[in-house]
Protein backbone atom coordinates (compact mmCIF):
# COMPACT_ATOMS: atom_id res chain seq x y z
CA MET A 1 2.81 -25.96 -4.45
CA ASN A 2 1.89 -29.38 -5.81
CA GLU A 3 1.07 -29.93 -9.48
CA GLN A 4 -2.65 -30.35 -8.89
CA ALA A 5 -2.89 -27.03 -7.05
CA ILE A 6 -0.90 -25.27 -9.79
CA ALA A 7 -3.21 -26.67 -12.45
CA THR A 8 -6.28 -25.60 -10.47
CA VAL A 9 -5.01 -22.04 -10.07
CA LYS A 10 -4.18 -21.89 -13.79
CA ALA A 11 -7.74 -22.99 -14.54
CA THR A 12 -9.10 -19.91 -12.74
CA VAL A 13 -7.34 -17.51 -15.15
CA PRO A 14 -10.38 -17.03 -17.45
CA VAL A 15 -12.59 -16.29 -14.45
CA LEU A 16 -10.09 -13.75 -13.13
CA ARG A 17 -9.86 -12.05 -16.52
CA GLU A 18 -13.63 -11.61 -16.61
CA ASN A 19 -14.47 -11.07 -12.94
CA GLY A 20 -11.21 -10.03 -11.27
CA VAL A 21 -12.21 -6.45 -10.42
CA ALA A 22 -15.61 -7.55 -9.09
CA LEU A 23 -13.83 -10.09 -6.89
CA THR A 24 -11.22 -7.66 -5.52
CA SER A 25 -13.83 -4.93 -4.95
CA TYR A 26 -15.88 -7.42 -2.94
CA PHE A 27 -12.72 -8.50 -1.09
CA TYR A 28 -11.83 -4.98 0.05
CA LYS A 29 -15.38 -4.24 1.22
CA ARG A 30 -15.46 -7.53 3.12
CA MET A 31 -12.07 -7.08 4.75
CA LEU A 32 -12.54 -3.44 5.74
CA GLY A 33 -15.97 -4.29 7.11
CA ASN A 34 -14.56 -7.10 9.23
CA HIS A 35 -11.42 -5.20 10.21
CA PRO A 36 -12.19 -1.47 10.36
CA GLU A 37 -8.76 -0.87 11.93
CA LEU A 38 -7.32 -1.47 8.46
CA LYS A 39 -8.99 1.73 7.27
CA ASN A 40 -5.92 3.34 8.86
CA VAL A 41 -3.70 1.30 6.52
CA PHE A 42 -5.42 1.32 3.12
CA ASN A 43 -5.91 4.57 1.21
CA LEU A 44 -9.69 4.87 1.03
CA SER A 45 -9.73 7.39 -1.82
CA HIS A 46 -8.02 4.72 -3.95
CA GLN A 47 -10.80 2.36 -2.91
CA ALA A 48 -13.49 4.87 -3.89
CA THR A 49 -12.01 5.49 -7.34
CA GLY A 50 -11.53 1.77 -7.96
CA ARG A 51 -7.79 2.23 -8.42
CA GLN A 52 -6.80 -0.24 -5.70
CA PRO A 53 -9.24 -3.03 -6.66
CA ARG A 54 -8.09 -2.74 -10.29
CA ALA A 55 -4.44 -2.92 -9.27
CA LEU A 56 -5.01 -5.96 -7.07
CA ALA A 57 -7.06 -7.70 -9.77
CA ALA A 58 -4.22 -7.20 -12.26
CA ALA A 59 -1.67 -8.53 -9.76
CA VAL A 60 -3.75 -11.60 -8.89
CA LEU A 61 -4.27 -12.37 -12.58
CA ALA A 62 -0.56 -12.03 -13.36
CA TYR A 63 0.27 -14.33 -10.45
CA ALA A 64 -2.21 -16.96 -11.61
CA GLU A 65 -0.87 -16.79 -15.18
CA ASN A 66 2.69 -17.34 -13.93
CA ILE A 67 1.99 -19.65 -10.99
CA GLU A 68 4.27 -22.34 -12.48
CA ASP A 69 7.24 -19.97 -12.32
CA PRO A 70 6.70 -16.98 -9.96
CA SER A 71 10.30 -15.89 -10.63
CA LYS A 72 8.98 -14.26 -13.81
CA LEU A 73 7.17 -11.78 -11.55
CA LEU A 74 10.13 -10.82 -9.37
CA LYS A 75 10.19 -7.23 -10.64
CA ALA A 76 6.46 -6.81 -9.99
CA VAL A 77 6.75 -8.51 -6.60
CA ASP A 78 9.61 -6.19 -5.70
CA ARG A 79 7.46 -3.14 -6.50
CA ILE A 80 4.67 -4.48 -4.30
CA ALA A 81 7.12 -5.12 -1.44
CA ILE A 82 8.56 -1.60 -1.74
CA LYS A 83 5.07 -0.11 -1.58
CA HIS A 84 4.19 -2.27 1.42
CA VAL A 85 7.28 -1.14 3.32
CA SER A 86 6.43 2.46 2.52
CA LEU A 87 3.01 1.84 4.09
CA ASP A 88 4.46 -0.06 7.09
CA ILE A 89 2.75 -3.35 6.26
CA HIS A 90 3.72 -6.22 8.61
CA PRO A 91 3.55 -10.06 8.45
CA ASP A 92 0.58 -10.44 10.80
CA GLN A 93 -1.60 -8.49 8.36
CA TYR A 94 -1.05 -11.10 5.66
CA ALA A 95 -3.15 -13.60 7.60
CA ILE A 96 -6.08 -11.16 7.67
CA VAL A 97 -5.76 -10.49 3.94
CA GLY A 98 -5.48 -14.19 3.15
CA THR A 99 -8.54 -15.18 5.17
CA ASN A 100 -10.69 -12.50 3.58
CA LEU A 101 -9.40 -13.21 0.08
CA LEU A 102 -10.21 -16.92 0.31
CA HIS A 103 -13.66 -16.23 1.73
CA SER A 104 -14.24 -13.66 -1.02
CA ILE A 105 -13.38 -16.23 -3.71
CA SER A 106 -15.73 -18.67 -2.00
CA GLU A 107 -18.60 -16.19 -1.74
CA VAL A 108 -18.27 -14.53 -5.15
CA LEU A 109 -17.86 -17.81 -7.04
CA GLU A 110 -20.34 -19.61 -4.75
CA LEU A 111 -17.91 -22.36 -3.85
CA PRO A 112 -17.65 -24.14 -0.48
CA MET A 113 -14.51 -23.41 1.52
CA ASP A 114 -13.34 -27.01 1.09
CA HIS A 115 -13.52 -26.78 -2.73
CA ASP A 116 -10.37 -27.59 -4.70
CA VAL A 117 -10.20 -24.01 -6.02
CA ILE A 118 -10.13 -22.56 -2.49
CA THR A 119 -7.55 -25.10 -1.35
CA ALA A 120 -5.35 -24.35 -4.35
CA TRP A 121 -5.56 -20.61 -3.85
CA GLU A 122 -4.75 -21.06 -0.17
CA GLN A 123 -1.47 -22.67 -1.23
CA ALA A 124 -0.88 -20.00 -3.87
CA TYR A 125 -1.51 -17.15 -1.45
CA GLY A 126 0.73 -18.71 1.18
CA GLN A 127 3.55 -18.99 -1.35
CA LEU A 128 3.19 -15.37 -2.45
CA ALA A 129 2.87 -14.09 1.13
CA ASN A 130 6.12 -15.80 2.11
CA ILE A 131 7.93 -14.27 -0.87
CA LEU A 132 6.67 -10.79 0.02
CA ILE A 133 7.28 -11.10 3.76
CA ASN A 134 10.90 -12.15 3.21
CA ARG A 135 11.54 -9.36 0.71
CA GLU A 136 9.92 -6.78 2.98
CA LYS A 137 12.00 -7.94 5.96
CA ALA A 138 15.14 -7.20 3.96
CA LEU A 139 13.79 -3.80 2.87
CA TYR A 140 12.89 -2.79 6.42
CA HIS A 141 16.44 -3.59 7.47
CA GLU A 142 17.81 -1.67 4.50
CA VAL A 143 15.93 1.58 5.20
CA ALA A 144 16.57 1.37 8.96
CA THR A 145 20.33 0.95 8.62
CA LYS A 146 20.92 3.79 6.16
CA LYS A 147 22.44 6.97 7.55
CA GLY A 148 19.53 8.92 9.02
CA GLY A 149 17.25 5.98 8.29
CA TRP A 150 14.37 4.46 10.23
CA SER A 151 11.75 1.77 9.95
CA GLY A 152 8.00 2.40 10.19
CA TRP A 153 6.42 5.76 10.94
CA ARG A 154 8.37 8.75 12.28
CA ALA A 155 6.91 12.06 13.45
CA PHE A 156 7.62 15.13 11.28
CA LYS A 157 6.53 18.72 11.84
CA ILE A 158 5.29 20.99 9.08
CA SER A 159 7.79 23.86 9.11
CA ALA A 160 6.50 25.68 6.01
CA LYS A 161 3.50 25.58 3.67
CA GLN A 162 3.83 27.58 0.45
CA GLN A 163 1.24 27.71 -2.33
CA ASP A 164 2.55 27.89 -5.88
CA GLY A 165 -0.19 27.74 -8.50
CA GLU A 166 -2.15 24.52 -8.26
CA HIS A 167 0.43 22.96 -5.95
CA THR A 168 1.33 23.67 -2.34
CA THR A 169 4.82 22.81 -1.13
CA PHE A 170 5.07 21.37 2.39
CA THR A 171 8.39 21.36 4.23
CA LEU A 172 8.71 18.52 6.75
CA VAL A 173 11.33 18.30 9.50
CA PRO A 174 11.72 15.42 12.00
CA THR A 175 10.43 16.26 15.47
CA ASP A 176 13.35 14.38 17.08
CA GLY A 177 15.83 16.81 15.52
CA LEU A 178 17.99 14.00 14.16
CA ALA A 179 19.28 13.57 10.61
CA ILE A 180 17.10 11.95 7.97
CA THR A 181 17.93 9.88 4.91
CA PRO A 182 18.79 11.97 1.83
CA ALA A 183 16.82 11.08 -1.27
CA GLN A 184 17.07 11.46 -5.03
CA ALA A 185 14.42 13.06 -7.22
CA GLY A 186 11.78 10.42 -7.98
CA ALA A 187 12.09 8.72 -4.60
CA PHE A 188 8.97 8.82 -2.45
CA ILE A 189 7.75 8.81 1.12
CA SER A 190 4.39 7.97 2.64
CA VAL A 191 2.70 10.65 4.71
CA LYS A 192 -0.06 9.73 7.17
CA VAL A 193 -2.53 12.29 8.49
CA ALA A 194 -5.58 12.21 10.74
CA ILE A 195 -8.98 12.48 9.05
CA ALA A 196 -10.63 14.03 12.08
CA ASP A 197 -14.26 13.94 10.96
CA GLN A 198 -14.04 10.19 10.27
CA GLY A 199 -11.87 9.18 13.21
CA ILE A 200 -9.24 7.49 11.08
CA GLU A 201 -5.74 8.06 9.75
CA GLN A 202 -4.86 7.82 6.08
CA PRO A 203 -1.54 7.29 4.24
CA GLN A 204 -0.51 8.51 0.81
CA GLN A 205 2.73 8.39 -1.13
CA PHE A 206 4.38 11.57 -2.40
CA SER A 207 7.31 11.64 -4.82
CA PHE A 208 10.13 14.13 -4.54
CA GLU A 209 10.53 16.57 -7.41
CA GLN A 210 14.12 17.41 -6.41
CA VAL A 211 17.03 15.95 -4.44
CA GLN A 212 16.34 15.99 -0.69
CA ASP A 213 19.04 16.62 1.93
CA ASN A 214 19.45 15.11 5.40
CA ALA A 215 17.60 17.87 7.26
CA GLU A 216 14.14 18.30 5.70
CA TYR A 217 11.83 16.97 3.02
CA HIS A 218 9.73 18.91 0.51
CA ILE A 219 6.57 17.48 -1.04
CA GLN A 220 4.19 19.06 -3.51
CA VAL A 221 0.50 18.55 -2.82
CA LYS A 222 -2.32 19.04 -5.32
CA ARG A 223 -6.02 19.05 -4.48
CA GLU A 224 -7.75 15.75 -5.18
CA LEU A 225 -11.18 15.82 -6.83
CA VAL A 226 -13.19 13.35 -4.74
CA ASP A 227 -16.58 13.36 -3.06
CA ALA A 228 -16.73 15.19 0.25
CA ASP A 229 -17.26 11.95 2.21
CA VAL A 230 -14.18 10.27 0.69
CA PRO A 231 -11.11 10.77 2.90
CA SER A 232 -8.25 12.41 1.00
CA VAL A 233 -4.75 12.87 2.39
CA SER A 234 -3.97 15.64 -0.09
CA ASN A 235 -7.12 17.57 0.77
CA ALA A 236 -6.59 17.06 4.50
CA LEU A 237 -3.07 18.46 4.18
CA LEU A 238 -4.32 21.46 2.23
CA ASP A 239 -7.38 22.21 4.34
CA HIS A 240 -6.53 21.15 7.88
CA VAL A 241 -2.78 20.71 8.40
CA GLN A 242 -1.02 23.94 9.32
CA VAL A 243 2.55 25.01 10.02
CA GLY A 244 3.54 23.51 13.37
CA ASP A 245 1.30 20.47 13.02
CA THR A 246 2.71 16.94 13.04
CA VAL A 247 2.30 14.14 10.50
CA GLN A 248 3.77 10.63 10.29
CA VAL A 249 6.30 9.76 7.59
CA THR A 250 8.06 6.62 6.37
CA ALA A 251 11.62 6.56 5.07
CA PRO A 252 12.31 7.31 1.38
CA LEU A 253 12.18 4.47 -1.09
CA SER A 254 12.58 4.16 -4.85
CA TYR A 255 11.25 1.72 -7.42
CA HIS A 256 14.22 0.10 -9.10
C-alpha cells in the first residue's frame, strides 16, 4: 500500500469505532442478499445474534489501527485463517466479500465508489486477502497431508447419539471407512448439516472435550436458544439427525 492509502485508512478509525457494527451488519445483509449461495457457508444463527457482525467489526478496526504494520496482527490473522480452513473457505470467495464490503462502505458512508476512502480500502482489503489466502493455502496442505487427514468436507455417519443431561454426545465415523486424523482435547471440527425446511446447509464448529483417536470423533451438542426461524446446527442435530444419517465434517484444527 502507498503512504496516501495508509493515511486514508487510518483516518477511518474513528468512524469504524463508532459505526463498525452497523457497517458490518449492513455488509452481511447485502452480501447474503446478492449471493444467497453463501448462506450455506456463513452460520446464520451467528448473524441473527449479531456475533458475526461484531467479530468482523472488531477485526476491521484492528486492521485499520495497525495498517502501517500488519505483522502486529499475525496471531489474529492466523486465527482467522484457521477458522476459514475449518469452514472450507476458498480464494474465489474473497472477491465476493471484497466487492460487497467496498460497496457497503460506499453506501453506509454515502461516498461515491471513486472516493479516496473506497480506493484506499480496496488496497487494504487486497493486502489482507492475499495474506489470508496464502496462509490458508499452507493450512489446507497441512491438514490434507497429516496421517488420516483431508482437505474440505468429508462425509461422516452418525453411529451413536447419547443424551447426558443438557448435552447429547454424537459419535461420528467416516463413511469411506478410512482412518481419520487423531486430535487433542480442545481441537475442533466443523460439522455441516442440512436445514431441510429452509433448503440450505449450515456449518458450526464443535470442540473436542477429550482426545480423539483415528477411528471416530465424539462431539457434545447443547440446544441453542434461538428463534424458530433461525437455522441452528445444534438444534438440527438434536431434532432431525438420527443414528445412520450422514453429515459433512472438516479435519481437526487447533488455535495455536
